């Protein structure tokens, strides 16, 4: 069972999808699905690197996550946040 969800693309891309669907006697959804599948296949190494980086960040704890989200080094975050004092 398939579901539909809108995606936002610029007008030129929307036109290309519509034309490709008409020229290949398929649906616009199938064109997009095939394009995404092909992209994932062709860029598997980039996707794997992104997953590895995400695991690295998550394994680094709160400081690493904050650094990643803020685009800073973990050292900069530690310097600004300071050390927590235990009572």
PDB file of N, CA and C in Angstrom:
ATOM      1  N   UNK A   1       0.846  -1.174   0.000  1.00  0.00           N
ATOM      2  CA  UNK A   1       0.000   0.000   0.000  1.00  0.00           C
ATOM      3  C   UNK A   1       0.895   1.243   0.000  1.00  0.00           C
ATOM      4  N   UNK A   2       0.690   2.107  -0.960  1.00  0.00           N
ATOM      5  CA  UNK A   2       1.525   3.299  -1.013  1.00  0.00           C
ATOM      6  C   UNK A   2       0.768   4.495  -0.443  1.00  0.00           C
ATOM      7  N   UNK A   3       1.546   5.392   0.099  1.00  0.00           N
ATOM      8  CA  UNK A   3       0.975   6.633   0.605  1.00  0.00           C
ATOM      9  C   UNK A   3       1.597   7.776  -0.164  1.00  0.00           C
ATOM     10  N   UNK A   4       0.948   8.905  -0.144  1.00  0.00           N
ATOM     11  CA  UNK A   4       1.476  10.065  -0.835  1.00  0.00           C
ATOM     12  C   UNK A   4       1.782  11.153   0.169  1.00  0.00           C
ATOM     13  N   UNK A   5       2.883  11.827  -0.072  1.00  0.00           N
ATOM     14  CA  UNK A   5       3.272  12.966   0.744  1.00  0.00           C
ATOM     15  C   UNK A   5       3.885  14.001  -0.185  1.00  0.00           C
ATOM     16  N   UNK A   6       3.477  15.248  -0.055  1.00  0.00           N
ATOM     17  CA  UNK A   6       4.028  16.261  -0.951  1.00  0.00           C
ATOM     18  C   UNK A   6       5.495  16.540  -0.648  1.00  0.00           C
ATOM     19  N   UNK A   7       6.243  16.828  -1.691  1.00  0.00           N
ATOM     20  CA  UNK A   7       7.618  17.292  -1.530  1.00  0.00           C
ATOM     21  C   UNK A   7       7.721  18.633  -2.231  1.00  0.00           C
ATOM     22  N   UNK A   8       8.598  19.478  -1.735  1.00  0.00           N
ATOM     23  CA  UNK A   8       8.752  20.805  -2.327  1.00  0.00           C
ATOM     24  C   UNK A   8      10.012  20.845  -3.174  1.00  0.00           C
ATOM     25  N   UNK A   9       9.827  21.188  -4.430  1.00  0.00           N
ATOM     26  CA  UNK A   9      10.936  21.382  -5.352  1.00  0.00           C
ATOM     27  C   UNK A   9      10.677  22.669  -6.112  1.00  0.00           C
ATOM     28  N   UNK A  10      11.722  23.194  -6.727  1.00  0.00           N
ATOM     29  CA  UNK A  10      11.509  24.421  -7.494  1.00  0.00           C
ATOM     30  C   UNK A  10      10.711  24.110  -8.759  1.00  0.00           C
ATOM     31  N   UNK A  11      10.211  25.155  -9.393  1.00  0.00           N
ATOM     32  CA  UNK A  11       9.326  25.001 -10.550  1.00  0.00           C
ATOM     33  C   UNK A  11      10.005  24.255 -11.699  1.00  0.00           C
ATOM     34  N   UNK A  12      11.282  24.531 -11.920  1.00  0.00           N
ATOM     35  CA  UNK A  12      11.994  23.865 -13.018  1.00  0.00           C
ATOM     36  C   UNK A  12      12.093  22.360 -12.780  1.00  0.00           C
ATOM     37  N   UNK A  13      12.360  21.963 -11.550  1.00  0.00           N
ATOM     38  CA  UNK A  13      12.439  20.531 -11.227  1.00  0.00           C
ATOM     39  C   UNK A  13      11.071  19.883 -11.366  1.00  0.00           C
ATOM     40  N   UNK A  14      10.046  20.560 -10.908  1.00  0.00           N
ATOM     41  CA  UNK A  14       8.679  20.041 -11.035  1.00  0.00           C
ATOM     42  C   UNK A  14       8.346  19.812 -12.500  1.00  0.00           C
ATOM     43  N   UNK A  15       8.709  20.762 -13.362  1.00  0.00           N
ATOM     44  CA  UNK A  15       8.462  20.598 -14.795  1.00  0.00           C
ATOM     45  C   UNK A  15       9.222  19.406 -15.357  1.00  0.00           C
ATOM     46  N   UNK A  16      10.477  19.252 -14.970  1.00  0.00           N
ATOM     47  CA  UNK A  16      11.281  18.114 -15.455  1.00  0.00           C
ATOM     48  C   UNK A  16      10.649  16.794 -15.055  1.00  0.00           C
ATOM     49  N   UNK A  17      10.202  16.702 -13.797  1.00  0.00           N
ATOM     50  CA  UNK A  17       9.560  15.474 -13.324  1.00  0.00           C
ATOM     51  C   UNK A  17       8.299  15.207 -14.137  1.00  0.00           C
ATOM     52  N   UNK A  18       7.502  16.238 -14.360  1.00  0.00           N
ATOM     53  CA  UNK A  18       6.260  16.082 -15.115  1.00  0.00           C
ATOM     54  C   UNK A  18       6.555  15.634 -16.551  1.00  0.00           C
ATOM     55  N   UNK A  19       7.537  16.269 -17.196  1.00  0.00           N
ATOM     56  CA  UNK A  19       7.890  15.907 -18.571  1.00  0.00           C
ATOM     57  C   UNK A  19       8.449  14.488 -18.646  1.00  0.00           C
ATOM     58  N   UNK A  20       9.346  14.153 -17.726  1.00  0.00           N
ATOM     59  CA  UNK A  20       9.917  12.801 -17.723  1.00  0.00           C
ATOM     60  C   UNK A  20       8.836  11.740 -17.551  1.00  0.00           C
ATOM     61  N   UNK A  21       7.893  12.017 -16.677  1.00  0.00           N
ATOM     62  CA  UNK A  21       6.804  11.064 -16.459  1.00  0.00           C
ATOM     63  C   UNK A  21       5.981  10.887 -17.735  1.00  0.00           C
ATOM     64  N   UNK A  22       5.675  11.979 -18.387  1.00  0.00           N
ATOM     65  CA  UNK A  22       4.881  11.906 -19.618  1.00  0.00           C
ATOM     66  C   UNK A  22       5.639  11.185 -20.732  1.00  0.00           C
ATOM     67  N   UNK A  23       6.936  11.484 -20.851  1.00  0.00           N
ATOM     68  CA  UNK A  23       7.730  10.885 -21.920  1.00  0.00           C
ATOM     69  C   UNK A  23       8.023   9.406 -21.706  1.00  0.00           C
ATOM     70  N   UNK A  24       8.010   8.972 -20.465  1.00  0.00           N
ATOM     71  CA  UNK A  24       8.310   7.566 -20.170  1.00  0.00           C
ATOM     72  C   UNK A  24       7.068   6.770 -19.799  1.00  0.00           C
ATOM     73  N   UNK A  25       5.906   7.396 -19.936  1.00  0.00           N
ATOM     74  CA  UNK A  25       4.623   6.749 -19.643  1.00  0.00           C
ATOM     75  C   UNK A  25       4.606   6.135 -18.243  1.00  0.00           C
ATOM     76  N   UNK A  26       4.993   6.953 -17.279  1.00  0.00           N
ATOM     77  CA  UNK A  26       5.012   6.535 -15.884  1.00  0.00           C
ATOM     78  C   UNK A  26       4.465   7.677 -15.036  1.00  0.00           C
ATOM     79  N   UNK A  27       4.382   7.475 -13.747  1.00  0.00           N
ATOM     80  CA  UNK A  27       3.864   8.533 -12.881  1.00  0.00           C
ATOM     81  C   UNK A  27       5.004   9.405 -12.370  1.00  0.00           C
ATOM     82  N   UNK A  28       4.645  10.598 -11.929  1.00  0.00           N
ATOM     83  CA  UNK A  28       5.639  11.485 -11.335  1.00  0.00           C
ATOM     84  C   UNK A  28       6.225  10.844 -10.080  1.00  0.00           C
ATOM     85  N   UNK A  29       5.396  10.164  -9.306  1.00  0.00           N
ATOM     86  CA  UNK A  29       5.879   9.494  -8.092  1.00  0.00           C
ATOM     87  C   UNK A  29       6.933   8.448  -8.425  1.00  0.00           C
ATOM     88  N   UNK A  30       6.732   7.706  -9.511  1.00  0.00           N
ATOM     89  CA  UNK A  30       7.709   6.693  -9.912  1.00  0.00           C
ATOM     90  C   UNK A  30       9.020   7.335 -10.355  1.00  0.00           C
ATOM     91  N   UNK A  31       8.926   8.465 -11.044  1.00  0.00           N
ATOM     92  CA  UNK A  31      10.143   9.179 -11.453  1.00  0.00           C
ATOM     93  C   UNK A  31      10.939   9.590 -10.222  1.00  0.00           C
ATOM     94  N   UNK A  32      10.268  10.171  -9.239  1.00  0.00           N
ATOM     95  CA  UNK A  32      10.950  10.615  -8.017  1.00  0.00           C
ATOM     96  C   UNK A  32      11.519   9.413  -7.263  1.00  0.00           C
ATOM     97  N   UNK A  33      10.744   8.347  -7.143  1.00  0.00           N
ATOM     98  CA  UNK A  33      11.220   7.151  -6.436  1.00  0.00           C
ATOM     99  C   UNK A  33      12.466   6.575  -7.103  1.00  0.00           C
ATOM    100  N   UNK A  34      12.441   6.480  -8.425  1.00  0.00           N
ATOM    101  CA  UNK A  34      13.600   5.962  -9.155  1.00  0.00           C
ATOM    102  C   UNK A  34      14.809   6.877  -8.991  1.00  0.00           C
ATOM    103  N   UNK A  35      14.580   8.176  -9.016  1.00  0.00           N
ATOM    104  CA  UNK A  35      15.683   9.135  -8.859  1.00  0.00           C
ATOM    105  C   UNK A  35      16.318   9.023  -7.486  1.00  0.00           C
ATOM    106  N   UNK A  36      15.496   8.890  -6.454  1.00  0.00           N
ATOM    107  CA  UNK A  36      16.023   8.771  -5.095  1.00  0.00           C
ATOM    108  C   UNK A  36      16.785   7.461  -4.941  1.00  0.00           C
ATOM    109  N   UNK A  37      16.246   6.384  -5.489  1.00  0.00           N
ATOM    110  CA  UNK A  37      16.928   5.089  -5.425  1.00  0.00           C
ATOM    111  C   UNK A  37      18.274   5.155  -6.133  1.00  0.00           C
ATOM    112  N   UNK A  38      18.296   5.768  -7.315  1.00  0.00           N
ATOM    113  CA  UNK A  38      19.555   5.889  -8.054  1.00  0.00           C
ATOM    114  C   UNK A  38      20.553   6.755  -7.303  1.00  0.00           C
ATOM    115  N   UNK A  39      20.079   7.847  -6.730  1.00  0.00           N
ATOM    116  CA  UNK A  39      20.957   8.734  -5.961  1.00  0.00           C
ATOM    117  C   UNK A  39      21.574   7.970  -4.785  1.00  0.00           C
ATOM    118  N   UNK A  40      20.754   7.236  -4.049  1.00  0.00           N
ATOM    119  CA  UNK A  40      21.255   6.492  -2.894  1.00  0.00           C
ATOM    120  C   UNK A  40      22.288   5.445  -3.316  1.00  0.00           C
ATOM    121  N   UNK A  41      22.065   4.821  -4.446  1.00  0.00           N
ATOM    122  CA  UNK A  41      23.002   3.815  -4.946  1.00  0.00           C
ATOM    123  C   UNK A  41      24.316   4.463  -5.369  1.00  0.00           C
ATOM    124  N   UNK A  42      24.225   5.549  -6.112  1.00  0.00           N
ATOM    125  CA  UNK A  42      25.431   6.220  -6.611  1.00  0.00           C
ATOM    126  C   UNK A  42      26.235   6.907  -5.512  1.00  0.00           C
ATOM    127  N   UNK A  43      25.579   7.288  -4.429  1.00  0.00           N
ATOM    128  CA  UNK A  43      26.250   8.037  -3.365  1.00  0.00           C
ATOM    129  C   UNK A  43      26.320   7.243  -2.053  1.00  0.00           C
ATOM    130  N   UNK A  44      26.363   5.932  -2.164  1.00  0.00           N
ATOM    131  CA  UNK A  44      26.403   5.079  -0.973  1.00  0.00           C
ATOM    132  C   UNK A  44      27.598   5.400  -0.085  1.00  0.00           C
ATOM    133  N   UNK A  45      28.735   5.741  -0.683  1.00  0.00           N
ATOM    134  CA  UNK A  45      29.920   6.060   0.112  1.00  0.00           C
ATOM    135  C   UNK A  45      29.729   7.346   0.918  1.00  0.00           C
ATOM    136  N   UNK A  46      29.093   8.331   0.336  1.00  0.00           N
ATOM    137  CA  UNK A  46      28.841   9.592   1.037  1.00  0.00           C
ATOM    138  C   UNK A  46      27.835   9.370   2.170  1.00  0.00           C
ATOM    139  N   UNK A  47      26.828   8.561   1.906  1.00  0.00           N
ATOM    140  CA  UNK A  47      25.817   8.250   2.929  1.00  0.00           C
ATOM    141  C   UNK A  47      26.459   7.478   4.079  1.00  0.00           C
ATOM    142  N   UNK A  48      27.311   6.507   3.751  1.00  0.00           N
ATOM    143  CA  UNK A  48      28.008   5.738   4.789  1.00  0.00           C
ATOM    144  C   UNK A  48      28.897   6.647   5.635  1.00  0.00           C
ATOM    145  N   UNK A  49      29.563   7.594   4.990  1.00  0.00           N
ATOM    146  CA  UNK A  49      30.422   8.535   5.733  1.00  0.00           C
ATOM    147  C   UNK A  49      29.566   9.407   6.661  1.00  0.00           C
ATOM    148  N   UNK A  50      28.406   9.828   6.200  1.00  0.00           N
ATOM    149  CA  UNK A  50      27.504  10.613   7.039  1.00  0.00           C
ATOM    150  C   UNK A  50      27.017   9.826   8.240  1.00  0.00           C
ATOM    151  N   UNK A  51      26.711   8.559   8.035  1.00  0.00           N
ATOM    152  CA  UNK A  51      26.296   7.700   9.146  1.00  0.00           C
ATOM    153  C   UNK A  51      27.433   7.507  10.145  1.00  0.00           C
ATOM    154  N   UNK A  52      28.639   7.314   9.638  1.00  0.00           N
ATOM    155  CA  UNK A  52      29.791   7.150  10.519  1.00  0.00           C
ATOM    156  C   UNK A  52      30.019   8.416  11.344  1.00  0.00           C
ATOM    157  N   UNK A  53      29.888   9.565  10.698  1.00  0.00           N
ATOM    158  CA  UNK A  53      30.060  10.845  11.411  1.00  0.00           C
ATOM    159  C   UNK A  53      28.975  11.012  12.467  1.00  0.00           C
ATOM    160  N   UNK A  54      27.738  10.646  12.160  1.00  0.00           N
ATOM    161  CA  UNK A  54      26.649  10.741  13.132  1.00  0.00           C
ATOM    162  C   UNK A  54      26.916   9.845  14.336  1.00  0.00           C
ATOM    163  N   UNK A  55      27.403   8.620  14.085  1.00  0.00           N
ATOM    164  CA  UNK A  55      27.739   7.708  15.201  1.00  0.00           C
ATOM    165  C   UNK A  55      28.844   8.303  16.055  1.00  0.00           C
ATOM    166  N   UNK A  56      29.838   8.898  15.403  1.00  0.00           N
ATOM    167  CA  UNK A  56      30.963   9.525  16.094  1.00  0.00           C
ATOM    168  C   UNK A  56      30.474  10.657  17.006  1.00  0.00           C
ATOM    169  N   UNK A  57      29.625  11.497  16.467  1.00  0.00           N
ATOM    170  CA  UNK A  57      29.099  12.633  17.233  1.00  0.00           C
ATOM    171  C   UNK A  57      28.273  12.133  18.413  1.00  0.00           C
ATOM    172  N   UNK A  58      27.390  11.183  18.164  1.00  0.00           N
ATOM    173  CA  UNK A  58      26.537  10.665  19.239  1.00  0.00           C
ATOM    174  C   UNK A  58      27.353   9.968  20.326  1.00  0.00           C
ATOM    175  N   UNK A  59      28.399   9.269  19.925  1.00  0.00           N
ATOM    176  CA  UNK A  59      29.245   8.577  20.899  1.00  0.00           C
ATOM    177  C   UNK A  59      30.061   9.559  21.728  1.00  0.00           C
ATOM    178  N   UNK A  60      30.251  10.772  21.217  1.00  0.00           N
ATOM    179  CA  UNK A  60      31.051  11.774  21.918  1.00  0.00           C
ATOM    180  C   UNK A  60      30.328  12.457  23.062  1.00  0.00           C
ATOM    181  N   UNK A  61      29.051  12.217  23.210  1.00  0.00           N
ATOM    182  CA  UNK A  61      28.293  12.797  24.314  1.00  0.00           C
ATOM    183  C   UNK A  61      27.796  14.202  24.024  1.00  0.00           C
ATOM    184  N   UNK A  62      27.312  14.854  25.089  1.00  0.00           N
ATOM    185  CA  UNK A  62      26.671  16.163  24.968  1.00  0.00           C
ATOM    186  C   UNK A  62      27.572  17.226  24.338  1.00  0.00           C
ATOM    187  N   UNK A  63      28.830  17.262  24.738  1.00  0.00           N
ATOM    188  CA  UNK A  63      29.742  18.288  24.218  1.00  0.00           C
ATOM    189  C   UNK A  63      29.939  18.105  22.716  1.00  0.00           C
ATOM    190  N   UNK A  64      30.140  16.881  22.281  1.00  0.00           N
ATOM    191  CA  UNK A  64      30.338  16.621  20.853  1.00  0.00           C
ATOM    192  C   UNK A  64      29.088  16.953  20.054  1.00  0.00           C
ATOM    193  N   UNK A  65      27.934  16.631  20.593  1.00  0.00           N
ATOM    194  CA  UNK A  65      26.677  16.937  19.907  1.00  0.00           C
ATOM    195  C   UNK A  65      26.498  18.445  19.790  1.00  0.00           C
ATOM    196  N   UNK A  66      26.712  19.163  20.882  1.00  0.00           N
ATOM    197  CA  UNK A  66      26.589  20.624  20.862  1.00  0.00           C
ATOM    198  C   UNK A  66      27.584  21.234  19.877  1.00  0.00           C
ATOM    199  N   UNK A  67      28.801  20.740  19.880  1.00  0.00           N
ATOM    200  CA  UNK A  67      29.830  21.255  18.978  1.00  0.00           C
ATOM    201  C   UNK A  67      29.405  21.050  17.527  1.00  0.00           C
ATOM    202  N   UNK A  68      28.908  19.878  17.234  1.00  0.00           N
ATOM    203  CA  UNK A  68      28.471  19.581  15.867  1.00  0.00           C
ATOM    204  C   UNK A  68      27.323  20.500  15.451  1.00  0.00           C
ATOM    205  N   UNK A  69      26.333  20.637  16.304  1.00  0.00           N
ATOM    206  CA  UNK A  69      25.175  21.468  15.979  1.00  0.00           C
ATOM    207  C   UNK A  69      25.541  22.943  15.828  1.00  0.00           C
ATOM    208  N   UNK A  70      26.506  23.397  16.590  1.00  0.00           N
ATOM    209  CA  UNK A  70      26.910  24.798  16.552  1.00  0.00           C
ATOM    210  C   UNK A  70      28.037  25.080  15.568  1.00  0.00           C
ATOM    211  N   UNK A  71      28.600  24.025  14.998  1.00  0.00           N
ATOM    212  CA  UNK A  71      29.702  24.211  14.057  1.00  0.00           C
ATOM    213  C   UNK A  71      30.980  24.654  14.735  1.00  0.00           C
ATOM    214  N   UNK A  72      31.174  24.255  15.958  1.00  0.00           N
ATOM    215  CA  UNK A  72      32.360  24.622  16.738  1.00  0.00           C
ATOM    216  C   UNK A  72      33.126  23.364  17.109  1.00  0.00           C
ATOM    217  N   UNK A  73      34.307  23.553  17.649  1.00  0.00           N
ATOM    218  CA  UNK A  73      35.082  22.407  18.119  1.00  0.00           C
ATOM    219  C   UNK A  73      34.615  22.046  19.531  1.00  0.00           C
ATOM    220  N   UNK A  74      34.778  20.790  19.924  1.00  0.00           N
ATOM    221  CA  UNK A  74      34.428  20.415  21.296  1.00  0.00           C
ATOM    222  C   UNK A  74      35.200  21.233  22.332  1.00  0.00           C
ATOM    223  N   UNK A  75      36.444  21.575  22.004  1.00  0.00           N
ATOM    224  CA  UNK A  75      37.257  22.374  22.928  1.00  0.00           C
ATOM    225  C   UNK A  75      36.636  23.749  23.151  1.00  0.00           C
ATOM    226  N   UNK A  76      36.128  24.362  22.084  1.00  0.00           N
ATOM    227  CA  UNK A  76      35.487  25.680  22.210  1.00  0.00           C
ATOM    228  C   UNK A  76      34.246  25.593  23.088  1.00  0.00           C
ATOM    229  N   UNK A  77      33.477  24.533  22.926  1.00  0.00           N
ATOM    230  CA  UNK A  77      32.272  24.357  23.744  1.00  0.00           C
ATOM    231  C   UNK A  77      32.662  24.186  25.211  1.00  0.00           C
ATOM    232  N   UNK A  78      33.676  23.374  25.465  1.00  0.00           N
ATOM    233  CA  UNK A  78      34.130  23.169  26.848  1.00  0.00           C
ATOM    234  C   UNK A  78      34.625  24.470  27.459  1.00  0.00           C
ATOM    235  N   UNK A  79      35.357  25.247  26.673  1.00  0.00           N
ATOM    236  CA  UNK A  79      35.903  26.515  27.165  1.00  0.00           C
ATOM    237  C   UNK A  79      34.766  27.487  27.528  1.00  0.00           C
ATOM    238  N   UNK A  80      33.758  27.593  26.681  1.00  0.00           N
ATOM    239  CA  UNK A  80      32.655  28.514  26.923  1.00  0.00           C
ATOM    240  C   UNK A  80      31.755  28.010  28.044  1.00  0.00           C
ATOM    241  N   UNK A  81      31.502  26.712  28.065  1.00  0.00           N
ATOM    242  CA  UNK A  81      30.597  26.137  29.071  1.00  0.00           C
ATOM    243  C   UNK A  81      31.263  26.085  30.444  1.00  0.00           C
ATOM    244  N   UNK A  82      32.563  25.928  30.464  1.00  0.00           N
ATOM    245  CA  UNK A  82      33.265  25.804  31.746  1.00  0.00           C
ATOM    246  C   UNK A  82      33.010  24.443  32.352  1.00  0.00           C
ATOM    247  N   UNK A  83      33.743  24.154  33.395  1.00  0.00           N
ATOM    248  CA  UNK A  83      33.580  22.865  34.080  1.00  0.00           C
ATOM    249  C   UNK A  83      32.440  22.952  35.064  1.00  0.00           C
ATOM    250  N   UNK A  84      31.670  21.890  35.165  1.00  0.00           N
ATOM    251  CA  UNK A  84      30.596  21.846  36.156  1.00  0.00           C
ATOM    252  C   UNK A  84      31.192  21.536  37.515  1.00  0.00           C
ATOM    253  N   UNK A  85      30.731  22.235  38.487  1.00  0.00           N
ATOM    254  CA  UNK A  85      31.222  22.000  39.852  1.00  0.00           C
ATOM    255  C   UNK A  85      30.262  21.093  40.581  1.00  0.00           C
ATOM    256  N   UNK A  86      30.803  20.117  41.251  1.00  0.00           N
ATOM    257  CA  UNK A  86      29.961  19.203  42.036  1.00  0.00           C
ATOM    258  C   UNK A  86      29.822  19.748  43.444  1.00  0.00           C
ATOM    259  N   UNK A  87      28.651  19.587  43.995  1.00  0.00           N
ATOM    260  CA  UNK A  87      28.409  20.058  45.372  1.00  0.00           C
ATOM    261  C   UNK A  87      28.415  18.934  46.332  1.00  0.00           C
TER     262      UNK A  87
END
